[in-house]
Amino acid sequence: MIGDKLRKARLQAKLSQQTAAARAKVTREYVSMVERGVSSPTVDTLLRLAAAVGVEAWKLLKEAERGSGTQRVAPDRLMRPR
């Protein structure tokens, strides 16, 4: 889950939710909601949150994907024949 990875990155950076929120220009409550999985950030907000805690956003997404239990499908398998 993105929220778990965000929380881990924030704690590794030794940041409070309040500090991370101020850096990302969101509320502390919103950071809490994302970390708990109650809210999903937009791409723009995810980028700001990732920067606020010092990680690249793709790493949060990659890690979330790995733990989601979903099966990966090669892009060519998603194409439908015409």
C-alpha atoms as a PDB file:
ATOM      1  CA  MET A   1       0.000   0.000   0.000  1.00  0.00           C
ATOM      2  CA  ILE A   2       1.239   3.494  -0.825  1.00  0.00           C
ATOM      3  CA  GLY A   3       0.379   4.740   2.657  1.00  0.00           C
ATOM      4  CA  ASP A   4       2.559   2.138   4.369  1.00  0.00           C
ATOM      5  CA  LYS A   5       5.506   3.014   2.154  1.00  0.00           C
ATOM      6  CA  LEU A   6       4.937   6.725   2.682  1.00  0.00           C
ATOM      7  CA  ARG A   7       4.864   6.273   6.464  1.00  0.00           C
ATOM      8  CA  LYS A   8       8.063   4.192   6.359  1.00  0.00           C
ATOM      9  CA  ALA A   9       9.843   6.826   4.255  1.00  0.00           C
ATOM     10  CA  ARG A  10       8.616   9.633   6.521  1.00  0.00           C
ATOM     11  CA  LEU A  11       9.822   7.856   9.651  1.00  0.00           C
ATOM     12  CA  GLN A  12      13.185   7.032   8.049  1.00  0.00           C
ATOM     13  CA  ALA A  13      13.531  10.749   7.284  1.00  0.00           C
ATOM     14  CA  LYS A  14      12.693  11.443  10.937  1.00  0.00           C
ATOM     15  CA  LEU A  15       9.807  13.725   9.967  1.00  0.00           C
ATOM     16  CA  SER A  16       6.553  14.266  11.795  1.00  0.00           C
ATOM     17  CA  GLN A  17       3.295  14.163   9.876  1.00  0.00           C
ATOM     18  CA  GLN A  18       3.037  17.898  10.459  1.00  0.00           C
ATOM     19  CA  THR A  19       6.440  18.616   8.909  1.00  0.00           C
ATOM     20  CA  ALA A  20       5.797  16.333   5.933  1.00  0.00           C
ATOM     21  CA  ALA A  21       2.409  17.955   5.425  1.00  0.00           C
ATOM     22  CA  ALA A  22       3.863  21.459   5.510  1.00  0.00           C
ATOM     23  CA  ARG A  23       6.499  20.512   2.949  1.00  0.00           C
ATOM     24  CA  ALA A  24       3.865  18.944   0.669  1.00  0.00           C
ATOM     25  CA  LYS A  25       1.393  21.799   1.202  1.00  0.00           C
ATOM     26  CA  VAL A  26      -1.340  19.531   2.593  1.00  0.00           C
ATOM     27  CA  THR A  27      -2.812  19.126   6.069  1.00  0.00           C
ATOM     28  CA  ARG A  28      -1.447  16.795   8.718  1.00  0.00           C
ATOM     29  CA  GLU A  29      -4.828  15.086   8.739  1.00  0.00           C
ATOM     30  CA  TYR A  30      -4.507  14.371   5.025  1.00  0.00           C
ATOM     31  CA  VAL A  31      -1.062  12.788   5.491  1.00  0.00           C
ATOM     32  CA  SER A  32      -2.585  10.620   8.213  1.00  0.00           C
ATOM     33  CA  MET A  33      -5.462   9.591   5.934  1.00  0.00           C
ATOM     34  CA  VAL A  34      -3.074   8.624   3.119  1.00  0.00           C
ATOM     35  CA  GLU A  35      -0.836   6.669   5.492  1.00  0.00           C
ATOM     36  CA  ARG A  36      -3.847   4.782   6.877  1.00  0.00           C
ATOM     37  CA  GLY A  37      -5.201   4.046   3.398  1.00  0.00           C
ATOM     38  CA  VAL A  38      -8.348   6.081   3.985  1.00  0.00           C
ATOM     39  CA  SER A  39      -7.549   8.455   1.118  1.00  0.00           C
ATOM     40  CA  SER A  40      -5.669   8.028  -2.154  1.00  0.00           C
ATOM     41  CA  PRO A  41      -3.574  10.982  -3.280  1.00  0.00           C
ATOM     42  CA  THR A  42      -3.761  12.448  -6.756  1.00  0.00           C
ATOM     43  CA  VAL A  43      -0.632  12.143  -8.880  1.00  0.00           C
ATOM     44  CA  ASP A  44       0.283  15.755  -8.113  1.00  0.00           C
ATOM     45  CA  THR A  45      -0.152  15.251  -4.378  1.00  0.00           C
ATOM     46  CA  LEU A  46       1.740  11.955  -4.453  1.00  0.00           C
ATOM     47  CA  LEU A  47       4.663  13.723  -6.130  1.00  0.00           C
ATOM     48  CA  ARG A  48       4.641  16.453  -3.461  1.00  0.00           C
ATOM     49  CA  LEU A  49       4.366  13.943  -0.601  1.00  0.00           C
ATOM     50  CA  ALA A  50       7.208  11.838  -1.990  1.00  0.00           C
ATOM     51  CA  ALA A  51       9.424  14.907  -2.359  1.00  0.00           C
ATOM     52  CA  ALA A  52       8.496  16.026   1.154  1.00  0.00           C
ATOM     53  CA  VAL A  53       9.797  12.783   2.669  1.00  0.00           C
ATOM     54  CA  GLY A  54      12.781  12.511   0.319  1.00  0.00           C
ATOM     55  CA  VAL A  55      11.854   9.613  -1.955  1.00  0.00           C
ATOM     56  CA  GLU A  56      10.975   9.310  -5.607  1.00  0.00           C
ATOM     57  CA  ALA A  57       7.253   8.760  -6.188  1.00  0.00           C
ATOM     58  CA  TRP A  58       7.814   5.779  -8.475  1.00  0.00           C
ATOM     59  CA  LYS A  59       9.418   3.928  -5.582  1.00  0.00           C
ATOM     60  CA  LEU A  60       6.262   4.337  -3.523  1.00  0.00           C
ATOM     61  CA  LEU A  61       4.214   3.032  -6.429  1.00  0.00           C
ATOM     62  CA  LYS A  62       6.582   0.175  -7.223  1.00  0.00           C
ATOM     63  CA  GLU A  63       6.702  -0.969  -3.649  1.00  0.00           C
ATOM     64  CA  ALA A  64       2.924  -0.684  -3.346  1.00  0.00           C
ATOM     65  CA  GLU A  65       2.457  -2.742  -6.506  1.00  0.00           C
ATOM     66  CA  ARG A  66       4.780  -5.452  -5.246  1.00  0.00           C
ATOM     67  CA  GLY A  67       2.791  -5.924  -2.055  1.00  0.00           C
ATOM     68  CA  SER A  68      -0.672  -5.583  -3.551  1.00  0.00           C
ATOM     69  CA  GLY A  69      -1.125  -9.219  -4.489  1.00  0.00           C
ATOM     70  CA  THR A  70      -2.115  -8.277  -8.021  1.00  0.00           C
ATOM     71  CA  GLN A  71      -0.722 -10.170 -10.968  1.00  0.00           C
ATOM     72  CA  ARG A  72       1.497  -8.315 -13.395  1.00  0.00           C
ATOM     73  CA  VAL A  73       0.625  -8.578 -17.066  1.00  0.00           C
ATOM     74  CA  ALA A  74       3.065  -7.803 -19.848  1.00  0.00           C
ATOM     75  CA  PRO A  75       1.983  -4.726 -21.864  1.00  0.00           C
ATOM     76  CA  ASP A  76       1.757  -6.751 -25.094  1.00  0.00           C
ATOM     77  CA  ARG A  77      -0.792  -9.034 -23.433  1.00  0.00           C
ATOM     78  CA  LEU A  78      -3.039  -6.021 -22.831  1.00  0.00           C
ATOM     79  CA  MET A  79      -3.316  -5.251 -26.526  1.00  0.00           C
ATOM     80  CA  ARG A  80      -6.394  -6.551 -28.321  1.00  0.00           C
ATOM     81  CA  PRO A  81      -6.086  -7.729 -31.881  1.00  0.00           C
ATOM     82  CA  ARG A  82      -7.858  -5.550 -34.422  1.00  0.00           C
END
